């Protein structure tokens, strides 16, 4: 048999002429060049969430030539997404986010292989979903998902490109690498659920996830290419109002239950329970101090003497309201004497988080007949009166 020798006229890379034209500005970078572009083409990255952070991530990773992009999401596009989730368009409202994102990715780069998983990430499926991908990118917006992603990455030995946003601030880090710390080293314990407002409660500047998600994209590409100084062991903090970046360094915690010297996390947990969250089948927080919007509707129609208290902010109240007493949550301690403890009080906010905190405050102040409206006025506009605007 003749020895197999490289044909001197045949290049030792697998890029078509079209791809060479497409990635030309990469190929002339010495840090990337042909070898680096081939690393990108052979790489596989999975994004958890195709929302605010996942939108710029998916677009730029596809444009850069990452060969396989996985997408995990189970939501549909809503009008309120369009202010920041730029991978979706007005025509996509009501469609699966996965279908919308896949179309945009293929329109940007037909060479990209897209794997979609229309499911909620859970302890039952995370290891299986992550196993075949090189890098995991966290585009989620809640603590149970962040701890789940972290523990799955540690167990599998996969890098976790972490990002989070809220109002005008964001943060990014590279976690769970072999030499670096994990999310539990940074945040050993989750905060109490009542103290953690989501973006749907507190809002977010539309361009902020573009900035943070793009930085996550930079870190992803650097890891694949093996270039530059990554954010391993560094938490990058961004304040859009001050237009300032600052950095916190942190190391691997030897006592970390996930990546420490004697890890106790050897399998995935119930992360809702770990974070102190109880949910019903719709995903809404429930407790023995909650009522549904349908129950509220019945009570209002009956006129049974209960008092409805809206604890949203004035600018939200101007958008839409269903009556009752208006006392913003921050003003509640100063106005609590105006409420009668002998009356039944039902508290409403946007999604049920702030009203939950109000109920907790009132209970501690001696009120016993206090109830939180699950899902808030947003759920009311879905289930009771769809003529009301949603925001």
Protein backbone atom coordinates (compact mmCIF):
# COMPACT_ATOMS: atom_id res chain seq x y z
CA UNK A 1 0.00 0.00 0.00
CA UNK A 2 1.30 3.43 -0.87
CA UNK A 3 1.89 5.93 1.92
CA UNK A 4 -0.84 8.56 2.19
CA UNK A 5 0.70 11.98 1.68
CA UNK A 6 -0.86 15.43 1.88
CA UNK A 7 -1.61 16.80 -1.58
CA UNK A 8 0.48 20.01 -1.72
CA UNK A 9 -2.30 21.70 -3.70
CA UNK A 10 -5.00 20.78 -1.18
CA UNK A 11 -5.29 22.97 1.93
CA UNK A 12 -5.17 21.29 5.35
CA UNK A 13 -8.40 22.93 6.48
CA UNK A 14 -12.05 22.36 5.71
CA UNK A 15 -13.45 25.75 4.77
CA UNK A 16 -15.31 26.35 1.53
CA UNK A 17 -14.62 29.36 -0.65
CA UNK A 18 -17.87 30.86 0.60
CA UNK A 19 -16.78 30.42 4.21
CA UNK A 20 -13.40 31.97 3.50
CA UNK A 21 -15.18 35.03 2.08
CA UNK A 22 -17.60 35.09 5.02
CA UNK A 23 -14.95 34.85 7.72
CA UNK A 24 -12.29 36.90 5.97
CA UNK A 25 -11.99 39.48 8.76
CA UNK A 26 -11.32 36.64 11.18
CA UNK A 27 -8.81 34.94 8.95
CA UNK A 28 -6.55 37.99 8.79
CA UNK A 29 -6.38 38.15 12.58
CA UNK A 30 -3.20 36.25 13.60
CA UNK A 31 -4.93 35.19 16.83
CA UNK A 32 -7.68 33.49 14.80
CA UNK A 33 -6.45 32.71 11.28
CA UNK A 34 -7.44 29.49 9.53
CA UNK A 35 -6.67 27.29 12.51
CA UNK A 36 -8.85 29.34 14.80
CA UNK A 37 -11.72 29.46 12.35
CA UNK A 38 -11.61 25.68 12.15
CA UNK A 39 -11.81 25.53 15.96
CA UNK A 40 -14.94 27.64 15.78
CA UNK A 41 -16.42 25.46 13.07
CA UNK A 42 -15.82 22.31 15.11
CA UNK A 43 -17.11 23.82 18.35
CA UNK A 44 -20.53 23.27 19.88
CA UNK A 45 -22.19 25.70 22.27
CA UNK A 46 -25.59 25.40 23.93
CA UNK A 47 -27.54 28.45 25.09
CA UNK A 48 -30.00 28.12 27.96
CA UNK A 49 -32.65 30.67 27.06
CA UNK A 50 -33.22 32.62 23.85
CA UNK A 51 -34.34 35.82 25.52
CA UNK A 52 -32.50 39.03 26.33
CA UNK A 53 -29.05 37.49 26.78
CA UNK A 54 -29.54 34.62 24.35
CA UNK A 55 -30.55 36.93 21.49
CA UNK A 56 -27.20 38.68 20.89
CA UNK A 57 -25.34 35.52 21.86
CA UNK A 58 -27.06 33.38 19.26
CA UNK A 59 -26.68 36.00 16.54
CA UNK A 60 -22.99 36.67 17.11
CA UNK A 61 -21.95 33.06 17.68
CA UNK A 62 -23.67 32.09 14.45
CA UNK A 63 -22.12 35.01 12.57
CA UNK A 64 -18.67 34.12 13.95
CA UNK A 65 -18.90 30.60 12.55
CA UNK A 66 -19.52 28.45 15.64
CA UNK A 67 -20.39 25.16 14.00
CA UNK A 68 -23.14 23.82 16.26
CA UNK A 69 -25.45 25.98 18.33
CA UNK A 70 -27.89 24.41 20.75
CA UNK A 71 -30.93 26.34 22.00
CA UNK A 72 -33.03 25.49 25.06
CA UNK A 73 -36.30 27.36 25.59
CA UNK A 74 -39.98 26.54 26.07
CA UNK A 75 -41.54 30.00 25.82
CA UNK A 76 -43.34 31.90 23.09
CA UNK A 77 -42.57 35.42 21.85
CA UNK A 78 -44.59 38.15 23.57
CA UNK A 79 -44.85 41.85 22.78
CA UNK A 80 -43.02 42.68 26.02
CA UNK A 81 -39.99 40.70 24.76
CA UNK A 82 -39.42 42.88 21.71
CA UNK A 83 -37.90 45.79 23.64
CA UNK A 84 -34.71 43.77 24.22
CA UNK A 85 -34.90 40.28 22.63
CA UNK A 86 -33.62 41.35 19.23
CA UNK A 87 -33.54 37.91 17.67
CA UNK A 88 -37.36 38.01 17.54
CA UNK A 89 -39.56 40.35 15.50
CA UNK A 90 -43.10 41.67 15.75
CA UNK A 91 -44.25 39.01 13.26
CA UNK A 92 -42.98 36.34 15.68
CA UNK A 93 -45.35 37.27 18.52
CA UNK A 94 -47.15 34.11 19.59
CA UNK A 95 -44.58 31.82 17.94
CA UNK A 96 -42.13 29.53 19.68
CA UNK A 97 -38.95 31.39 20.58
CA UNK A 98 -36.96 28.40 19.34
CA UNK A 99 -38.52 28.53 15.88
CA UNK A 100 -38.05 32.28 15.65
CA UNK A 101 -34.41 32.10 16.78
CA UNK A 102 -33.57 29.20 14.50
CA UNK A 103 -34.87 31.09 11.47
CA UNK A 104 -32.80 34.16 12.30
CA UNK A 105 -29.66 32.09 12.90
CA UNK A 106 -30.01 30.28 9.59
CA UNK A 107 -30.67 33.58 7.81
CA UNK A 108 -27.44 35.01 9.24
CA UNK A 109 -25.32 31.93 8.62
CA UNK A 110 -26.70 28.90 6.72
CA UNK A 111 -23.54 27.00 7.65
CA UNK A 112 -24.52 26.83 11.33
CA UNK A 113 -26.05 23.60 12.62
CA UNK A 114 -28.87 24.43 15.01
CA UNK A 115 -30.16 21.96 17.60
CA UNK A 116 -33.34 23.02 19.37
CA UNK A 117 -34.73 21.64 22.62
CA UNK A 118 -38.23 22.91 23.39
CA UNK A 119 -38.28 21.99 27.05
CA UNK A 120 -37.75 23.48 30.47
CA UNK A 121 -34.29 22.74 31.79
CA UNK A 122 -34.57 20.53 34.86
CA UNK A 123 -32.59 18.19 37.06
CA UNK A 124 -33.97 15.33 34.97
CA UNK A 125 -32.66 16.50 31.61
CA UNK A 126 -29.76 18.93 32.19
CA UNK A 127 -26.93 16.40 32.11
CA UNK A 128 -28.28 14.75 28.99
CA UNK A 129 -28.79 18.08 27.20
CA UNK A 130 -25.37 19.47 28.12
CA UNK A 131 -23.30 16.34 27.60
CA UNK A 132 -22.70 16.67 23.85
CA UNK A 133 -21.77 20.38 23.90
CA UNK A 134 -18.39 21.94 24.58
CA UNK A 135 -19.55 25.10 26.35
CA UNK A 136 -22.73 26.01 28.23
CA UNK A 137 -23.98 29.61 28.21
CA UNK A 138 -26.36 30.73 30.94
CA UNK A 139 -28.99 33.13 29.60
CA UNK A 140 -31.53 32.49 32.38
CA UNK A 141 -33.12 34.96 34.78
CA UNK A 142 -33.69 33.03 38.00
CA UNK A 143 -31.64 31.49 40.77
CA UNK A 144 -32.89 27.86 40.58
CA UNK A 145 -31.78 27.71 36.93
CA UNK A 146 -28.39 29.27 37.72
CA UNK A 147 -27.61 26.75 40.45
CA UNK A 148 -28.86 23.91 38.26
CA UNK A 149 -26.68 24.99 35.33
CA UNK A 150 -23.70 25.42 37.63
CA UNK A 151 -23.97 21.98 39.22
CA UNK A 152 -24.54 20.26 35.88
CA UNK A 153 -21.47 22.00 34.42
CA UNK A 154 -19.31 21.02 37.39
CA UNK A 155 -20.45 17.39 37.23
CA UNK A 156 -19.76 17.25 33.48
CA UNK A 157 -16.57 19.34 33.53
CA UNK A 158 -18.07 21.94 31.16
CA UNK A 159 -17.36 25.68 31.16
CA UNK A 160 -20.29 27.89 32.16
CA UNK A 161 -20.44 31.38 30.62
CA UNK A 162 -22.55 33.19 33.20
CA UNK A 163 -24.42 36.46 32.74
CA UNK A 164 -27.25 38.25 34.51
CA UNK A 165 -29.07 41.58 34.16
CA UNK A 166 -31.41 43.74 36.22
CA UNK A 167 -32.66 47.26 35.56
CA UNK A 168 -29.45 49.12 34.55
CA UNK A 169 -26.84 46.66 35.83
CA UNK A 170 -25.31 43.43 34.61
CA UNK A 171 -22.58 40.96 35.43
CA UNK A 172 -20.53 38.35 33.57
CA UNK A 173 -18.07 35.63 34.53
CA UNK A 174 -16.61 32.37 33.24
CA UNK A 175 -17.32 29.59 35.71
CA UNK A 176 -16.74 25.89 36.27
CA UNK A 177 -13.54 25.59 34.27
CA UNK A 178 -11.01 23.05 35.52
CA UNK A 179 -8.80 25.68 37.11
CA UNK A 180 -11.45 28.18 38.18
CA UNK A 181 -14.28 28.65 40.68
CA UNK A 182 -17.95 27.91 40.12
CA UNK A 183 -21.16 29.83 40.77
CA UNK A 184 -21.44 28.39 44.28
CA UNK A 185 -17.97 29.75 45.09
CA UNK A 186 -19.30 33.19 44.18
CA UNK A 187 -22.79 32.81 45.68
CA UNK A 188 -22.77 29.96 48.24
CA UNK A 189 -26.43 30.45 49.19
CA UNK A 190 -29.42 31.73 47.18
CA UNK A 191 -31.14 34.86 48.50
CA UNK A 192 -34.65 34.61 49.97
CA UNK A 193 -37.19 34.48 47.13
CA UNK A 194 -39.09 37.47 48.52
CA UNK A 195 -35.99 39.65 48.12
CA UNK A 196 -35.34 38.82 44.47
CA UNK A 197 -37.40 40.83 41.99
CA UNK A 198 -37.21 39.66 38.40
CA UNK A 199 -36.79 41.83 35.32
CA UNK A 200 -40.53 41.53 34.80
CA UNK A 201 -40.99 43.15 38.22
CA UNK A 202 -38.11 45.63 38.29
CA UNK A 203 -37.64 46.27 34.58
CA UNK A 204 -34.52 46.30 32.43
CA UNK A 205 -33.02 48.82 30.02
CA UNK A 206 -33.53 47.30 26.58
CA UNK A 207 -29.93 47.60 25.40
CA UNK A 208 -28.42 46.16 28.62
CA UNK A 209 -28.82 42.46 27.70
CA UNK A 210 -27.21 43.30 24.36
CA UNK A 211 -24.10 44.54 26.18
CA UNK A 212 -23.92 41.68 28.68
CA UNK A 213 -24.87 39.00 26.16
CA UNK A 214 -22.25 40.25 23.72
CA UNK A 215 -19.59 40.07 26.43
CA UNK A 216 -20.68 36.50 27.10
CA UNK A 217 -20.21 35.91 23.37
CA UNK A 218 -16.68 37.34 23.48
CA UNK A 219 -15.78 35.05 26.38
CA UNK A 220 -17.24 32.06 24.56
CA UNK A 221 -15.18 32.72 21.43
CA UNK A 222 -12.01 33.29 23.47
CA UNK A 223 -12.44 29.95 25.22
CA UNK A 224 -12.92 28.14 21.92
CA UNK A 225 -9.94 29.86 20.34
CA UNK A 226 -7.74 29.60 23.44
CA UNK A 227 -6.75 33.26 23.31
CA UNK A 228 -6.70 36.24 25.66
CA UNK A 229 -7.39 36.52 29.37
CA UNK A 230 -10.77 35.08 30.23
CA UNK A 231 -13.07 36.07 33.09
CA UNK A 232 -12.21 32.91 35.03
CA UNK A 233 -12.02 34.00 38.67
CA UNK A 234 -13.29 37.48 37.81
CA UNK A 235 -16.80 38.92 38.03
CA UNK A 236 -17.24 41.82 35.62
CA UNK A 237 -19.87 44.31 36.81
CA UNK A 238 -21.44 46.91 34.52
CA UNK A 239 -23.49 49.96 35.50
CA UNK A 240 -25.19 51.51 32.48
CA UNK A 241 -26.32 54.66 34.31
CA UNK A 242 -22.77 55.49 35.38
CA UNK A 243 -21.28 53.89 32.25
CA UNK A 244 -18.69 52.16 34.39
CA UNK A 245 -17.21 48.70 34.59
CA UNK A 246 -15.64 47.30 37.74
CA UNK A 247 -14.26 43.91 38.62
CA UNK A 248 -14.33 41.56 41.58
CA UNK A 249 -11.80 38.75 41.80
CA UNK A 250 -12.74 35.53 43.57
CA UNK A 251 -11.13 32.14 43.89
CA UNK A 252 -12.08 28.53 44.15
CA UNK A 253 -13.53 27.75 47.56
CA UNK A 254 -12.01 24.56 49.00
CA UNK A 255 -15.22 24.07 50.99
CA UNK A 256 -17.51 24.53 47.97
CA UNK A 257 -20.07 21.69 47.94
CA UNK A 258 -19.91 21.50 44.13
CA UNK A 259 -16.26 22.02 43.10
CA UNK A 260 -14.40 21.99 46.43
CA UNK A 261 -11.96 19.47 47.82
CA UNK A 262 -14.75 17.31 49.27
CA UNK A 263 -17.78 17.92 47.07
CA UNK A 264 -21.15 16.87 48.45
CA UNK A 265 -23.13 17.68 45.30
CA UNK A 266 -22.82 14.43 43.38
CA UNK A 267 -26.15 14.59 41.60
CA UNK A 268 -28.62 17.28 40.59
CA UNK A 269 -31.10 18.50 43.20
CA UNK A 270 -34.58 19.99 43.43
CA UNK A 271 -33.41 23.56 42.81
CA UNK A 272 -36.77 25.22 43.43
CA UNK A 273 -36.73 23.71 46.91
CA UNK A 274 -33.03 24.62 47.33
CA UNK A 275 -33.89 28.25 46.57
CA UNK A 276 -36.96 28.20 48.81
CA UNK A 277 -39.50 28.43 45.99
CA UNK A 278 -42.75 26.52 45.86
CA UNK A 279 -44.60 26.64 42.54
CA UNK A 280 -47.83 25.33 41.15
CA UNK A 281 -48.08 23.73 37.71
CA UNK A 282 -48.26 27.14 36.02
CA UNK A 283 -44.96 28.17 37.59
CA UNK A 284 -46.52 30.84 39.83
CA UNK A 285 -45.34 31.13 43.41
CA UNK A 286 -47.96 29.72 45.79
CA UNK A 287 -48.45 29.75 49.52
CA UNK A 288 -51.23 29.58 52.08
CA UNK A 289 -51.36 33.39 51.91
CA UNK A 290 -52.20 33.55 48.18
CA UNK A 291 -55.34 33.73 46.06
CA UNK A 292 -55.78 33.46 42.29
CA UNK A 293 -57.02 36.25 40.03
CA UNK A 294 -60.21 34.28 39.45
CA UNK A 295 -60.79 34.20 43.19
CA UNK A 296 -60.11 37.93 43.35
CA UNK A 297 -62.63 38.53 40.57
CA UNK A 298 -65.26 36.60 42.52
CA UNK A 299 -64.53 38.56 45.69
CA UNK A 300 -64.69 41.92 43.88
CA UNK A 301 -67.97 40.99 42.19
CA UNK A 302 -69.49 39.94 45.52
CA UNK A 303 -68.48 43.22 47.16
CA UNK A 304 -67.79 41.41 50.43
CA UNK A 305 -65.96 44.25 52.13
CA UNK A 306 -62.38 43.14 51.56
CA UNK A 307 -59.78 45.87 50.79
CA UNK A 308 -57.65 45.65 47.63
CA UNK A 309 -54.22 47.30 47.98
CA UNK A 310 -52.05 47.92 44.88
CA UNK A 311 -48.35 48.18 45.85
CA UNK A 312 -46.86 48.95 42.42
CA UNK A 313 -45.05 52.17 41.55
CA UNK A 314 -46.89 55.31 40.36
CA UNK A 315 -45.62 55.01 36.78
CA UNK A 316 -47.00 51.44 36.64
CA UNK A 317 -50.32 52.48 38.17
CA UNK A 318 -50.74 55.05 35.39
CA UNK A 319 -50.38 52.31 32.77
CA UNK A 320 -53.20 50.15 34.11
CA UNK A 321 -55.06 49.56 37.36
CA UNK A 322 -58.19 47.76 38.59
CA UNK A 323 -58.98 50.05 41.50
CA UNK A 324 -58.48 49.63 45.22
CA UNK A 325 -56.11 51.51 47.53
CA UNK A 326 -52.85 52.56 45.91
CA UNK A 327 -49.87 52.39 48.29
CA UNK A 328 -46.43 51.77 46.67
CA UNK A 329 -44.47 49.09 48.50
CA UNK A 330 -41.81 51.56 49.66
CA UNK A 331 -44.49 53.76 51.23
CA UNK A 332 -46.31 50.94 52.99
CA UNK A 333 -44.55 51.31 56.38
CA UNK A 334 -45.63 54.98 56.53
CA UNK A 335 -49.25 54.19 55.63
CA UNK A 336 -49.78 50.91 57.46
CA UNK A 337 -51.73 52.73 60.20
CA UNK A 338 -54.35 53.64 57.57
CA UNK A 339 -55.26 49.96 57.12
CA UNK A 340 -57.66 48.16 59.45
CA UNK A 341 -56.28 44.85 60.80
CA UNK A 342 -59.82 43.60 61.30
CA UNK A 343 -60.55 43.83 57.58
CA UNK A 344 -59.49 41.29 54.97
CA UNK A 345 -56.73 42.80 52.81
CA UNK A 346 -55.78 41.52 49.36
CA UNK A 347 -52.50 42.83 47.92
CA UNK A 348 -51.74 43.20 44.21
CA UNK A 349 -48.61 44.09 42.21
CA UNK A 350 -47.34 43.36 38.69
CA UNK A 351 -46.49 39.65 38.96
CA UNK A 352 -46.93 38.82 42.65
CA UNK A 353 -43.39 39.29 43.99
CA UNK A 354 -43.67 42.73 45.58
CA UNK A 355 -47.16 41.99 46.86
CA UNK A 356 -45.70 38.88 48.47
CA UNK A 357 -43.21 41.07 50.32
CA UNK A 358 -46.05 43.39 51.34
CA UNK A 359 -48.04 40.47 52.73
CA UNK A 360 -45.01 39.33 54.70
CA UNK A 361 -44.54 42.85 56.11
CA UNK A 362 -48.20 43.19 57.06
CA UNK A 363 -48.24 39.76 58.73
CA UNK A 364 -45.22 40.75 60.81
CA UNK A 365 -47.06 43.98 61.71
CA UNK A 366 -49.91 41.97 63.19
CA UNK A 367 -52.31 41.68 60.24
CA UNK A 368 -53.73 38.18 59.99
CA UNK A 369 -56.25 38.35 57.14
CA UNK A 370 -53.86 39.30 54.31
CA UNK A 371 -53.64 37.64 50.90
CA UNK A 372 -51.33 37.94 47.90
CA UNK A 373 -52.69 37.82 44.34
CA UNK A 374 -50.75 35.17 42.40
CA UNK A 375 -49.40 36.50 39.12
CA UNK A 376 -50.55 40.03 39.89
CA UNK A 377 -52.22 42.38 37.45
CA UNK A 378 -50.40 40.72 34.57
CA UNK A 379 -52.19 37.45 35.28
CA UNK A 380 -55.47 39.39 35.69
CA UNK A 381 -55.07 40.81 32.17
CA UNK A 382 -54.59 37.27 30.81
CA UNK A 383 -57.27 35.35 32.67
CA UNK A 384 -59.88 37.95 33.61
CA UNK A 385 -59.80 41.02 31.33
CA UNK A 386 -57.70 40.75 28.18
CA UNK A 387 -58.68 44.28 27.14
CA UNK A 388 -56.23 45.67 29.70
CA UNK A 389 -52.73 46.51 28.49
CA UNK A 390 -49.84 44.25 29.55
CA UNK A 391 -46.41 45.71 30.19
